[in-house]
C-alpha atoms as a PDB file:
ATOM      1  CA  MET A   1       3.967  -3.252  -3.461  1.00  0.00           C
ATOM      2  CA  ARG A   2       4.657  -6.801  -2.401  1.00  0.00           C
ATOM      3  CA  ALA A   3       4.703  -5.937   1.268  1.00  0.00           C
ATOM      4  CA  ASP A   4       2.691  -9.069   1.900  1.00  0.00           C
ATOM      5  CA  GLY A   5       5.725 -11.146   0.997  1.00  0.00           C
ATOM      6  CA  PRO A   6       6.673 -13.312  -1.922  1.00  0.00           C
ATOM      7  CA  ILE A   7       4.561 -16.230  -3.016  1.00  0.00           C
ATOM      8  CA  THR A   8       6.515 -19.328  -2.173  1.00  0.00           C
ATOM      9  CA  PRO A   9       7.870 -21.418  -5.043  1.00  0.00           C
ATOM     10  CA  GLY A  10       5.627 -24.216  -6.155  1.00  0.00           C
ATOM     11  CA  LYS A  11       2.443 -22.448  -5.091  1.00  0.00           C
ATOM     12  CA  PRO A  12      -0.198 -21.642  -7.721  1.00  0.00           C
ATOM     13  CA  ARG A  13       0.008 -18.071  -8.862  1.00  0.00           C
ATOM     14  CA  LEU A  14      -2.143 -15.613 -10.756  1.00  0.00           C
ATOM     15  CA  ILE A  15      -0.463 -13.063 -13.001  1.00  0.00           C
ATOM     16  CA  GLY A  16      -3.382 -10.760 -12.209  1.00  0.00           C
ATOM     17  CA  ILE A  17      -2.014 -10.248  -8.689  1.00  0.00           C
ATOM     18  CA  ASP A  18       1.226  -8.802 -10.041  1.00  0.00           C
ATOM     19  CA  ALA A  19      -0.809  -6.797 -12.562  1.00  0.00           C
ATOM     20  CA  GLY A  20      -2.913  -5.461  -9.700  1.00  0.00           C
ATOM     21  CA  ARG A  21       0.236  -4.519  -7.802  1.00  0.00           C
ATOM     22  CA  ALA A  22       1.499  -2.670 -10.868  1.00  0.00           C
ATOM     23  CA  ILE A  23      -1.785  -0.771 -11.301  1.00  0.00           C
ATOM     24  CA  ALA A  24      -1.826   0.106  -7.604  1.00  0.00           C
ATOM     25  CA  ALA A  25       1.760   1.387  -7.833  1.00  0.00           C
ATOM     26  CA  LEU A  26       0.808   3.569 -10.826  1.00  0.00           C
ATOM     27  CA  GLY A  27      -2.106   4.967  -8.840  1.00  0.00           C
ATOM     28  CA  THR A  28       0.040   5.682  -5.796  1.00  0.00           C
ATOM     29  CA  VAL A  29       2.571   7.651  -7.832  1.00  0.00           C
ATOM     30  CA  TRP A  30      -0.232   9.596  -9.507  1.00  0.00           C
ATOM     31  CA  ILE A  31      -1.651  10.696  -6.144  1.00  0.00           C
ATOM     32  CA  HIS A  32       1.671  12.219  -5.143  1.00  0.00           C
ATOM     33  CA  ALA A  33       2.690  13.590  -8.560  1.00  0.00           C
ATOM     34  CA  VAL A  34      -0.354  15.823  -9.109  1.00  0.00           C
ATOM     35  CA  ARG A  35       0.105  19.428  -7.973  1.00  0.00           C
ATOM     36  CA  SER A  36      -1.704  21.488 -10.631  1.00  0.00           C
ATOM     37  CA  ASP A  37      -5.257  22.794 -10.366  1.00  0.00           C
ATOM     38  CA  ALA A  38      -6.013  21.290 -13.784  1.00  0.00           C
ATOM     39  CA  LEU A  39      -5.343  17.709 -12.646  1.00  0.00           C
ATOM     40  CA  GLN A  40      -6.201  18.097  -8.960  1.00  0.00           C
ATOM     41  CA  PRO A  41      -9.630  16.429  -9.377  1.00  0.00           C
ATOM     42  CA  THR A  42      -7.928  13.320 -10.788  1.00  0.00           C
ATOM     43  CA  MET A  43      -5.577  12.875  -7.836  1.00  0.00           C
ATOM     44  CA  GLU A  44      -8.169  10.944  -5.839  1.00  0.00           C
ATOM     45  CA  LEU A  45      -8.501   8.363  -8.615  1.00  0.00           C
ATOM     46  CA  GLY A  46      -5.483   6.529  -7.196  1.00  0.00           C
ATOM     47  CA  ARG A  47      -7.004   5.968  -3.760  1.00  0.00           C
ATOM     48  CA  PHE A  48      -7.716   2.298  -4.526  1.00  0.00           C
ATOM     49  CA  ALA A  49      -4.025   1.428  -4.151  1.00  0.00           C
ATOM     50  CA  VAL A  50      -3.545   0.993  -0.403  1.00  0.00           C
ATOM     51  CA  PRO A  51      -6.894  -0.843   0.012  1.00  0.00           C
ATOM     52  CA  PHE A  52      -5.752  -3.282  -2.694  1.00  0.00           C
ATOM     53  CA  PHE A  53      -2.430  -3.879  -0.935  1.00  0.00           C
ATOM     54  CA  ASN A  54      -4.291  -4.336   2.353  1.00  0.00           C
ATOM     55  CA  VAL A  55      -6.713  -6.968   1.065  1.00  0.00           C
ATOM     56  CA  ILE A  56      -3.940  -8.988  -0.620  1.00  0.00           C
ATOM     57  CA  ALA A  57      -1.754  -8.806   2.508  1.00  0.00           C
ATOM     58  CA  ALA A  58      -4.625  -9.940   4.749  1.00  0.00           C
ATOM     59  CA  LEU A  59      -5.597 -12.814   2.441  1.00  0.00           C
ATOM     60  CA  LEU A  60      -2.026 -14.116   2.337  1.00  0.00           C
ATOM     61  CA  LEU A  61      -1.701 -13.729   6.105  1.00  0.00           C
ATOM     62  CA  VAL A  62      -4.743 -15.946   6.716  1.00  0.00           C
ATOM     63  CA  ARG A  63      -3.477 -18.443   4.147  1.00  0.00           C
ATOM     64  CA  HIS A  64      -0.135 -18.626   5.966  1.00  0.00           C
ATOM     65  CA  LEU A  65      -1.897 -19.319   9.270  1.00  0.00           C
ATOM     66  CA  ARG A  66      -4.066 -21.994   7.676  1.00  0.00           C
ATOM     67  CA  GLU A  67      -1.188 -23.811   5.984  1.00  0.00           C
ATOM     68  CA  ARG A  68       1.056 -23.746   9.072  1.00  0.00           C
ATOM     69  CA  ARG A  69      -1.384 -24.423  11.880  1.00  0.00           C
ATOM     70  CA  GLU A  70       1.123 -26.563  13.782  1.00  0.00           C
ATOM     71  CA  GLN A  71       3.926 -24.012  13.632  1.00  0.00           C
ATOM     72  CA  SER A  72       4.638 -21.136  15.985  1.00  0.00           C
ATOM     73  CA  VAL A  73       3.730 -17.706  14.653  1.00  0.00           C
ATOM     74  CA  LEU A  74       6.911 -16.182  16.076  1.00  0.00           C
ATOM     75  CA  PRO A  75       9.220 -16.991  13.120  1.00  0.00           C
ATOM     76  CA  TYR A  76       6.711 -15.507  10.669  1.00  0.00           C
ATOM     77  CA  ALA A  77       6.204 -12.452  12.888  1.00  0.00           C
ATOM     78  CA  GLY A  78       9.970 -11.961  12.936  1.00  0.00           C
ATOM     79  CA  GLN A  79      10.117 -12.358   9.162  1.00  0.00           C
ATOM     80  CA  ARG A  80       7.407  -9.742   8.660  1.00  0.00           C
ATOM     81  CA  PHE A  81       9.162  -7.384  11.060  1.00  0.00           C
ATOM     82  CA  MET A  82      12.466  -7.691   9.209  1.00  0.00           C
ATOM     83  CA  ARG A  83      10.762  -7.249   5.850  1.00  0.00           C
ATOM     84  CA  LEU A  84       8.924  -4.083   6.829  1.00  0.00           C
ATOM     85  CA  TYR A  85      10.554  -2.154   9.662  1.00  0.00           C
ATOM     86  CA  PRO A  86      14.282  -2.081   8.756  1.00  0.00           C
ATOM     87  CA  PRO A  87      13.462  -0.854   5.204  1.00  0.00           C
ATOM     88  CA  PHE A  88      11.098   1.683   6.772  1.00  0.00           C
ATOM     89  CA  LEU A  89      13.855   3.031   9.025  1.00  0.00           C
ATOM     90  CA  ALA A  90      16.402   3.034   6.194  1.00  0.00           C
ATOM     91  CA  TRP A  91      14.081   4.954   3.865  1.00  0.00           C
ATOM     92  CA  THR A  92      13.286   7.328   6.718  1.00  0.00           C
ATOM     93  CA  VAL A  93      16.986   8.226   6.886  1.00  0.00           C
ATOM     94  CA  ILE A  94      17.181   8.445   3.079  1.00  0.00           C
ATOM     95  CA  TYR A  95      14.270  10.881   2.929  1.00  0.00           C
ATOM     96  CA  ILE A  96      15.633  13.048   5.739  1.00  0.00           C
ATOM     97  CA  LEU A  97      18.947  13.331   3.897  1.00  0.00           C
ATOM     98  CA  ALA A  98      17.164  13.955   0.575  1.00  0.00           C
ATOM     99  CA  ASN A  99      15.033  16.695   2.133  1.00  0.00           C
ATOM    100  CA  ASP A 100      18.140  18.353   3.545  1.00  0.00           C
ATOM    101  CA  ALA A 101      19.846  18.179   0.158  1.00  0.00           C
ATOM    102  CA  LYS A 102      16.787  19.703  -1.538  1.00  0.00           C
ATOM    103  CA  ARG A 103      16.592  22.499   1.020  1.00  0.00           C
ATOM    104  CA  LEU A 104      20.272  23.359   0.680  1.00  0.00           C
ATOM    105  CA  VAL A 105      20.645  23.045  -3.092  1.00  0.00           C
ATOM    106  CA  LEU A 106      17.267  24.068  -4.485  1.00  0.00           C
ATOM    107  CA  THR A 107      15.681  26.346  -1.902  1.00  0.00           C
ATOM    108  CA  GLY A 108      18.597  27.732   0.088  1.00  0.00           C
ATOM    109  CA  ARG A 109      16.909  26.903   3.370  1.00  0.00           C
ATOM    110  CA  PRO A 110      18.788  25.400   6.331  1.00  0.00           C
ATOM    111  CA  PRO A 111      18.647  21.635   7.023  1.00  0.00           C
ATOM    112  CA  LEU A 112      15.782  20.136   8.969  1.00  0.00           C
ATOM    113  CA  GLU A 113      16.000  20.596  12.708  1.00  0.00           C
ATOM    114  CA  LEU A 114      16.293  17.116  14.205  1.00  0.00           C
ATOM    115  CA  THR A 115      14.262  17.668  17.357  1.00  0.00           C
ATOM    116  CA  SER A 116      13.244  14.779  19.593  1.00  0.00           C
ATOM    117  CA  GLY A 117       9.629  15.177  18.460  1.00  0.00           C
ATOM    118  CA  PHE A 118      10.573  15.074  14.791  1.00  0.00           C
ATOM    119  CA  LEU A 119      12.753  11.995  15.294  1.00  0.00           C
ATOM    120  CA  LEU A 120      10.014  10.208  17.246  1.00  0.00           C
ATOM    121  CA  ASP A 121       7.428  10.967  14.576  1.00  0.00           C
ATOM    122  CA  SER A 122       9.871   9.803  11.893  1.00  0.00           C
ATOM    123  CA  ALA A 123      10.448   6.506  13.726  1.00  0.00           C
ATOM    124  CA  LEU A 124       6.685   5.952  14.028  1.00  0.00           C
ATOM    125  CA  GLN A 125       5.328   7.159  10.686  1.00  0.00           C
ATOM    126  CA  GLY A 126       8.256   8.305   8.538  1.00  0.00           C
ATOM    127  CA  PRO A 127       9.113  11.813   7.278  1.00  0.00           C
ATOM    128  CA  GLU A 128       7.283  11.382   3.952  1.00  0.00           C
ATOM    129  CA  TYR A 129       3.621  10.803   3.295  1.00  0.00           C
ATOM    130  CA  GLN A 130       3.794   7.248   1.921  1.00  0.00           C
ATOM    131  CA  LEU A 131       6.020   5.611   4.558  1.00  0.00           C
ATOM    132  CA  TRP A 132       3.268   5.381   7.202  1.00  0.00           C
ATOM    133  CA  PHE A 133       1.952   2.285   5.424  1.00  0.00           C
ATOM    134  CA  LEU A 134       4.855   0.057   6.475  1.00  0.00           C
ATOM    135  CA  PRO A 135       4.410   0.381  10.279  1.00  0.00           C
ATOM    136  CA  PHE A 136       0.645   0.245   9.752  1.00  0.00           C
ATOM    137  CA  LEU A 137       0.919  -3.024   7.847  1.00  0.00           C
ATOM    138  CA  LEU A 138       3.335  -4.430  10.421  1.00  0.00           C
ATOM    139  CA  ILE A 139       0.890  -3.691  13.257  1.00  0.00           C
ATOM    140  CA  CYS A 140      -2.030  -5.195  11.301  1.00  0.00           C
ATOM    141  CA  THR A 141       0.011  -8.301  10.564  1.00  0.00           C
ATOM    142  CA  LEU A 142       1.047  -8.844  14.182  1.00  0.00           C
ATOM    143  CA  VAL A 143      -2.527  -8.346  15.420  1.00  0.00           C
ATOM    144  CA  GLY A 144      -3.834 -10.622  12.660  1.00  0.00           C
ATOM    145  CA  LEU A 145      -1.399 -13.358  13.692  1.00  0.00           C
ATOM    146  CA  ALA A 146      -2.404 -13.103  17.340  1.00  0.00           C
ATOM    147  CA  VAL A 147      -6.136 -13.186  16.577  1.00  0.00           C
ATOM    148  CA  GLY A 148      -5.984 -15.835  13.881  1.00  0.00           C
ATOM    149  CA  ARG A 149      -3.795 -18.429  15.552  1.00  0.00           C
ATOM    150  CA  PRO A 150      -6.394 -19.647  18.093  1.00  0.00           C
ATOM    151  CA  VAL A 151      -9.337 -19.668  15.649  1.00  0.00           C
ATOM    152  CA  ILE A 152      -7.873 -21.188  12.460  1.00  0.00           C
ATOM    153  CA  GLY A 153      -9.139 -24.745  12.118  1.00  0.00           C
ATOM    154  CA  ASN A 154     -12.305 -24.101  14.135  1.00  0.00           C
ATOM    155  CA  ARG A 155     -14.844 -23.311  11.423  1.00  0.00           C
ATOM    156  CA  ARG A 156     -17.404 -21.693  13.734  1.00  0.00           C
ATOM    157  CA  ALA A 157     -14.738 -19.500  15.305  1.00  0.00           C
ATOM    158  CA  GLU A 158     -13.436 -18.549  11.858  1.00  0.00           C
ATOM    159  CA  ILE A 159     -16.892 -17.481  10.699  1.00  0.00           C
ATOM    160  CA  GLY A 160     -17.529 -15.594  13.940  1.00  0.00           C
ATOM    161  CA  VAL A 161     -14.244 -13.674  13.799  1.00  0.00           C
ATOM    162  CA  GLY A 162     -14.779 -13.067  10.082  1.00  0.00           C
ATOM    163  CA  ILE A 163     -18.186 -11.517  10.757  1.00  0.00           C
ATOM    164  CA  LEU A 164     -16.716  -9.328  13.479  1.00  0.00           C
ATOM    165  CA  ALA A 165     -13.864  -8.213  11.188  1.00  0.00           C
ATOM    166  CA  ALA A 166     -16.220  -7.432   8.301  1.00  0.00           C
ATOM    167  CA  ALA A 167     -18.669  -5.578  10.537  1.00  0.00           C
ATOM    168  CA  GLY A 168     -15.845  -3.716  12.278  1.00  0.00           C
ATOM    169  CA  GLY A 169     -14.426  -2.623   8.947  1.00  0.00           C
ATOM    170  CA  LEU A 170     -17.843  -1.386   7.813  1.00  0.00           C
ATOM    171  CA  ALA A 171     -18.411   0.494  11.072  1.00  0.00           C
ATOM    172  CA  ILE A 172     -15.018   2.230  10.875  1.00  0.00           C
ATOM    173  CA  ALA A 173     -15.521   3.081   7.193  1.00  0.00           C
ATOM    174  CA  LEU A 174     -18.817   4.791   8.022  1.00  0.00           C
ATOM    175  CA  THR A 175     -17.587   6.578  11.148  1.00  0.00           C
ATOM    176  CA  PRO A 176     -15.716   9.912  10.998  1.00  0.00           C
ATOM    177  CA  ARG A 177     -12.244   9.893  12.491  1.00  0.00           C
ATOM    178  CA  PRO A 178     -12.585  10.298  16.272  1.00  0.00           C
ATOM    179  CA  GLU A 179     -11.767  13.737  17.617  1.00  0.00           C
ATOM    180  CA  ALA A 180      -9.123  12.265  19.922  1.00  0.00           C
ATOM    181  CA  LEU A 181      -7.067  11.089  16.938  1.00  0.00           C
ATOM    182  CA  GLN A 182      -6.952  14.633  15.572  1.00  0.00           C
ATOM    183  CA  HIS A 183      -5.083  16.053  18.546  1.00  0.00           C
ATOM    184  CA  LEU A 184      -2.314  13.533  19.158  1.00  0.00           C
ATOM    185  CA  GLN A 185       1.110  14.833  20.061  1.00  0.00           C
ATOM    186  CA  HIS A 186       2.865  12.279  17.866  1.00  0.00           C
ATOM    187  CA  ALA A 187       2.034   9.990  14.915  1.00  0.00           C
ATOM    188  CA  GLU A 188      -1.148  11.903  14.105  1.00  0.00           C
ATOM    189  CA  TYR A 189      -0.754  11.252  10.378  1.00  0.00           C
ATOM    190  CA  LEU A 190      -0.242   7.524  10.965  1.00  0.00           C
ATOM    191  CA  MET A 191      -3.419   7.336  13.023  1.00  0.00           C
ATOM    192  CA  GLU A 192      -5.386   9.400  10.496  1.00  0.00           C
ATOM    193  CA  ARG A 193      -4.377   7.178   7.569  1.00  0.00           C
ATOM    194  CA  SER A 194      -4.841   4.020   9.624  1.00  0.00           C
ATOM    195  CA  TRP A 195      -8.431   4.954  10.470  1.00  0.00           C
ATOM    196  CA  LEU A 196      -9.162   5.526   6.783  1.00  0.00           C
ATOM    197  CA  ARG A 197      -7.495   2.340   5.525  1.00  0.00           C
ATOM    198  CA  VAL A 198      -7.908  -0.326   8.207  1.00  0.00           C
ATOM    199  CA  PRO A 199     -11.385  -1.310   6.884  1.00  0.00           C
ATOM    200  CA  SER A 200      -9.880  -2.874   3.757  1.00  0.00           C
ATOM    201  CA  PHE A 201      -7.444  -4.940   5.819  1.00  0.00           C
ATOM    202  CA  LEU A 202     -10.301  -6.148   8.036  1.00  0.00           C
ATOM    203  CA  TRP A 203     -12.368  -7.075   4.970  1.00  0.00           C
ATOM    204  CA  GLY A 204      -9.446  -8.963   3.449  1.00  0.00           C
ATOM    205  CA  TYR A 205      -8.942 -10.778   6.755  1.00  0.00           C
ATOM    206  CA  ALA A 206     -12.646 -11.631   6.919  1.00  0.00           C
ATOM    207  CA  LEU A 207     -12.621 -12.870   3.328  1.00  0.00           C
ATOM    208  CA  GLY A 208      -9.649 -15.117   4.075  1.00  0.00           C
ATOM    209  CA  LEU A 209     -11.523 -16.623   7.025  1.00  0.00           C
ATOM    210  CA  PHE A 210     -14.774 -17.054   5.065  1.00  0.00           C
ATOM    211  CA  LEU A 211     -12.949 -18.882   2.261  1.00  0.00           C
ATOM    212  CA  GLY A 212     -11.917 -21.605   4.669  1.00  0.00           C
ATOM    213  CA  SER A 213      -9.827 -24.299   3.047  1.00  0.00           C
ATOM    214  CA  ARG A 214     -10.943 -23.384  -0.473  1.00  0.00           C
ATOM    215  CA  PRO A 215      -8.018 -22.626  -2.820  1.00  0.00           C
ATOM    216  CA  LEU A 216      -7.004 -18.987  -2.561  1.00  0.00           C
ATOM    217  CA  PHE A 217      -5.659 -18.800  -6.092  1.00  0.00           C
ATOM    218  CA  LYS A 218      -8.644 -20.274  -7.897  1.00  0.00           C
ATOM    219  CA  PRO A 219      -9.586 -17.748 -10.621  1.00  0.00           C
ATOM    220  CA  VAL A 220     -12.928 -15.972 -10.459  1.00  0.00           C
ATOM    221  CA  PRO A 221     -15.191 -15.985 -13.564  1.00  0.00           C
ATOM    222  CA  LEU A 222     -14.140 -13.632 -16.330  1.00  0.00           C
ATOM    223  CA  VAL A 223     -17.341 -11.591 -16.079  1.00  0.00           C
ATOM    224  CA  VAL A 224     -16.577 -10.892 -12.391  1.00  0.00           C
ATOM    225  CA  ALA A 225     -12.948 -10.007 -13.130  1.00  0.00           C
ATOM    226  CA  VAL A 226     -14.064  -7.530 -15.808  1.00  0.00           C
ATOM    227  CA  ALA A 227     -17.041  -6.031 -13.951  1.00  0.00           C
ATOM    228  CA  ALA A 228     -15.254  -5.589 -10.608  1.00  0.00           C
ATOM    229  CA  PRO A 229     -12.728  -2.919 -11.674  1.00  0.00           C
ATOM    230  CA  ILE A 230     -15.504  -1.042 -13.493  1.00  0.00           C
ATOM    231  CA  LEU A 231     -17.496  -0.959 -10.257  1.00  0.00           C
ATOM    232  CA  ALA A 232     -14.306  -0.029  -8.382  1.00  0.00           C
ATOM    233  CA  ALA A 233     -13.773   2.909 -10.735  1.00  0.00           C
ATOM    234  CA  GLY A 234     -17.363   3.964 -10.102  1.00  0.00           C
ATOM    235  CA  CYS A 235     -16.719   3.871  -6.346  1.00  0.00           C
ATOM    236  CA  ILE A 236     -13.669   6.100  -6.726  1.00  0.00           C
ATOM    237  CA  VAL A 237     -15.520   8.601  -8.926  1.00  0.00           C
ATOM    238  CA  VAL A 238     -18.435   8.824  -6.495  1.00  0.00           C
ATOM    239  CA  ALA A 239     -15.984   9.193  -3.578  1.00  0.00           C
ATOM    240  CA  THR A 240     -14.490  12.275  -5.261  1.00  0.00           C
ATOM    241  CA  LEU A 241     -17.887  13.905  -4.773  1.00  0.00           C
ATOM    242  CA  GLY A 242     -17.461  13.538  -1.020  1.00  0.00           C
ATOM    243  CA  TRP A 243     -19.995  10.745  -0.484  1.00  0.00           C
ATOM    244  CA  CYS A 244     -18.993   7.922   1.915  1.00  0.00           C
ATOM    245  CA  VAL A 245     -15.364   8.538   0.986  1.00  0.00           C
ATOM    246  CA  SER A 246     -13.687   5.962   3.241  1.00  0.00           C
ATOM    247  CA  LEU A 247     -16.256   3.268   2.473  1.00  0.00           C
ATOM    248  CA  LEU A 248     -16.070   3.688  -1.300  1.00  0.00           C
ATOM    249  CA  GLN A 249     -12.286   4.018  -1.462  1.00  0.00           C
ATOM    250  CA  ASN A 250     -11.820   0.834   0.555  1.00  0.00           C
ATOM    251  CA  LEU A 251     -14.390  -0.992  -1.572  1.00  0.00           C
ATOM    252  CA  SER A 252     -12.492   0.045  -4.694  1.00  0.00           C
ATOM    253  CA  GLY A 253      -9.515  -1.967  -3.443  1.00  0.00           C
ATOM    254  CA  LEU A 254     -11.720  -5.062  -3.242  1.00  0.00           C
ATOM    255  CA  GLY A 255     -12.735  -4.467  -6.854  1.00  0.00           C
ATOM    256  CA  LEU A 256      -9.121  -4.505  -8.013  1.00  0.00           C
ATOM    257  CA  VAL A 257      -8.533  -7.688  -6.009  1.00  0.00           C
ATOM    258  CA  LEU A 258     -11.342  -9.432  -7.926  1.00  0.00           C
ATOM    259  CA  PHE A 259      -9.723  -8.261 -11.147  1.00  0.00           C
ATOM    260  CA  ALA A 260      -6.396  -9.662  -9.918  1.00  0.00           C
ATOM    261  CA  PHE A 261      -7.997 -13.069  -9.364  1.00  0.00           C
ATOM    262  CA  GLY A 262      -9.345 -13.217 -12.900  1.00  0.00           C
ATOM    263  CA  PRO A 263      -8.514 -16.043 -15.357  1.00  0.00           C
ATOM    264  CA  TRP A 264      -5.887 -14.015 -17.177  1.00  0.00           C
ATOM    265  CA  ARG A 265      -3.436 -15.655 -19.548  1.00  0.00           C
ATOM    266  CA  ASN A 266      -0.606 -13.224 -20.314  1.00  0.00           C
ATOM    267  CA  GLY A 267      -1.539 -10.771 -23.094  1.00  0.00           C
ATOM    268  CA  ALA A 268      -1.969  -7.194 -21.902  1.00  0.00           C
ATOM    269  CA  VAL A 269      -2.443  -8.282 -18.284  1.00  0.00           C
ATOM    270  CA  GLY A 270       0.747 -10.328 -18.474  1.00  0.00           C
ATOM    271  CA  ALA A 271       2.648  -7.340 -19.833  1.00  0.00           C
ATOM    272  CA  VAL A 272       1.413  -5.090 -17.028  1.00  0.00           C
ATOM    273  CA  SER A 273       2.214  -7.774 -14.446  1.00  0.00           C
ATOM    274  CA  LYS A 274       5.931  -7.472 -15.205  1.00  0.00           C
ATOM    275  CA  LEU A 275       5.898  -4.071 -13.520  1.00  0.00           C
ATOM    276  CA  GLY A 276       4.383  -5.643 -10.412  1.00  0.00           C
ATOM    277  CA  GLN A 277       7.726  -7.086  -9.307  1.00  0.00           C
ATOM    278  CA  TYR A 278       8.919  -3.508  -8.759  1.00  0.00           C
ATOM    279  CA  SER A 279       5.829  -2.303  -6.905  1.00  0.00           C
ATOM    280  CA  PHE A 280       7.428  -2.321  -3.435  1.00  0.00           C
ATOM    281  CA  GLY A 281      10.418  -0.361  -4.690  1.00  0.00           C
ATOM    282  CA  ILE A 282       8.180   2.071  -6.586  1.00  0.00           C
ATOM    283  CA  TYR A 283       6.108   2.658  -3.479  1.00  0.00           C
ATOM    284  CA  LEU A 284       9.147   3.342  -1.322  1.00  0.00           C
ATOM    285  CA  ALA A 285      11.235   5.415  -3.744  1.00  0.00           C
ATOM    286  CA  HIS A 286       8.846   7.363  -5.948  1.00  0.00           C
ATOM    287  CA  VAL A 287       8.516  10.383  -3.667  1.00  0.00           C
ATOM    288  CA  LEU A 288      12.248  11.066  -4.103  1.00  0.00           C
ATOM    289  CA  PHE A 289      11.668  11.624  -7.808  1.00  0.00           C
ATOM    290  CA  VAL A 290       8.303  13.366  -7.487  1.00  0.00           C
ATOM    291  CA  GLU A 291       9.628  15.930  -5.015  1.00  0.00           C
ATOM    292  CA  GLY A 292      12.853  16.316  -6.953  1.00  0.00           C
ATOM    293  CA  THR A 293      11.054  16.986 -10.235  1.00  0.00           C
ATOM    294  CA  HIS A 294       8.661  19.530  -8.744  1.00  0.00           C
ATOM    295  CA  SER A 295      11.471  21.237  -6.824  1.00  0.00           C
ATOM    296  CA  VAL A 296      13.500  21.615 -10.005  1.00  0.00           C
ATOM    297  CA  GLY A 297      10.401  22.995 -11.719  1.00  0.00           C
ATOM    298  CA  THR A 298       9.967  25.549  -8.944  1.00  0.00           C
ATOM    299  CA  ARG A 299      13.641  26.504  -9.153  1.00  0.00           C
ATOM    300  CA  LEU A 300      13.199  27.097 -12.908  1.00  0.00           C
ATOM    301  CA  ASN A 301      10.159  29.282 -12.150  1.00  0.00           C
ATOM    302  CA  PHE A 302       7.665  26.883 -13.732  1.00  0.00           C
ATOM    303  CA  GLU A 303       4.137  27.320 -12.485  1.00  0.00           C
ATOM    304  CA  PRO A 304       2.298  24.154 -11.377  1.00  0.00           C
ATOM    305  CA  SER A 305       0.827  22.725 -14.576  1.00  0.00           C
ATOM    306  CA  TRP A 306      -0.608  19.524 -15.979  1.00  0.00           C
ATOM    307  CA  TRP A 307       2.438  18.823 -18.115  1.00  0.00           C
ATOM    308  CA  LEU A 308       4.778  19.139 -15.118  1.00  0.00           C
ATOM    309  CA  ASP A 309       2.576  16.680 -13.206  1.00  0.00           C
ATOM    310  CA  LEU A 310       2.868  14.203 -16.076  1.00  0.00           C
ATOM    311  CA  VAL A 311       6.641  14.689 -16.235  1.00  0.00           C
ATOM    312  CA  ALA A 312       6.891  14.085 -12.469  1.00  0.00           C
ATOM    313  CA  TRP A 313       4.769  10.934 -12.784  1.00  0.00           C
ATOM    314  CA  VAL A 314       6.873   9.480 -15.594  1.00  0.00           C
ATOM    315  CA  VAL A 315      10.181  10.447 -13.978  1.00  0.00           C
ATOM    316  CA  ALA A 316       9.066   8.935 -10.666  1.00  0.00           C
ATOM    317  CA  LEU A 317       8.015   5.652 -12.284  1.00  0.00           C
ATOM    318  CA  VAL A 318      11.122   5.264 -14.426  1.00  0.00           C
ATOM    319  CA  GLY A 319      13.462   6.477 -11.697  1.00  0.00           C
ATOM    320  CA  SER A 320      11.929   4.164  -9.087  1.00  0.00           C
ATOM    321  CA  VAL A 321      12.184   1.114 -11.345  1.00  0.00           C
ATOM    322  CA  VAL A 322      15.811   1.893 -12.237  1.00  0.00           C
ATOM    323  CA  LEU A 323      16.689   2.497  -8.585  1.00  0.00           C
ATOM    324  CA  THR A 324      14.930  -0.699  -7.499  1.00  0.00           C
ATOM    325  CA  ARG A 325      16.767  -2.741 -10.111  1.00  0.00           C
ATOM    326  CA  GLY A 326      20.043  -1.185  -8.988  1.00  0.00           C
ATOM    327  CA  LEU A 327      19.399  -1.915  -5.314  1.00  0.00           C
ATOM    328  CA  ARG A 328      18.632  -5.549  -6.105  1.00  0.00           C
ATOM    329  CA  LEU A 329      21.973  -6.081  -7.834  1.00  0.00           C
ATOM    330  CA  TRP A 330      23.838  -6.266  -4.514  1.00  0.00           C
ATOM    331  CA  ARG A 331      23.035  -8.431  -1.525  1.00  0.00           C
ATOM    332  CA  GLY A 332      23.869  -5.582   0.844  1.00  0.00           C
ATOM    333  CA  THR A 333      21.161  -3.302  -0.590  1.00  0.00           C
ATOM    334  CA  ARG A 334      18.573  -5.799  -1.829  1.00  0.00           C
ATOM    335  CA  TRP A 335      16.662  -5.608   1.459  1.00  0.00           C
ATOM    336  CA  LEU A 336      15.863  -1.946   0.761  1.00  0.00           C
ATOM    337  CA  ALA A 337      13.512  -2.929  -2.088  1.00  0.00           C
ATOM    338  CA  PRO A 338      12.770  -6.651  -1.779  1.00  0.00           C
ATOM    339  CA  PRO A 339      10.768  -8.404  -4.527  1.00  0.00           C
END
């Protein structure tokens, strides 16, 4: 998902970043496609995705602040708002309508009751389980702009804020979700997911500050780019055992980021990177196809099974890419799945 925004023309670019986005999109779809007992243990293997998106978004946010120190942050804040919140609201409406259609056609149940509480929750966190990330990222971006503007350019302040961000992320990752967040009247899911995933954004923000004026897109050594995803996979596997889940899942995102910054030159990584341009659209749209496939399976009296999970995963990926390409053909719909 390129929720962090496009890389401006003329800037150096690593194909590994788009490859990382593609891999993260594949992992996100897998999380939501798995319903069978046979594949249930593998569902958690995709939990590196949002941490990866967070670290990339935070790094690019700090780079923007560093390169435009003399400019007001308001235009960029407005740009981020328009990139994230209008699509979020539009997809919220799309999913409400899709859920009503599924209830009427496939289950025979009445449409959703549009109570004030449901509408408020939908406006804050969305009606489907992946949409929470857009308002979360918008809030992180706005806070990151406000904190970073006064410190960028002052090296001591940058290091100090970076240490605080890194330490804060570690503390949150090691601390169970506060009891108060478990009994909110509204946006409980948004707050739950935010507590679990904000550490990776803080670590990406800290890393951006620690890097200073060093080039962001300078490739890391090949041995680091190869070893990092292996360590990330190890983190995810250990997290499935219930040990330091938040810490290890957020660290796995950092591992994929190091892979993304590897010295890749097309080949297999280049091929995978081509899917990265659709990552935002895949993230937003895939649940339509996942839920649709499983609902059809239920209507046909199929029991949850590994093969149905795989079918849902493939249908969601292909359907999301086709839908994204279609939306980008017209100016009036391109904003729903921007590149």
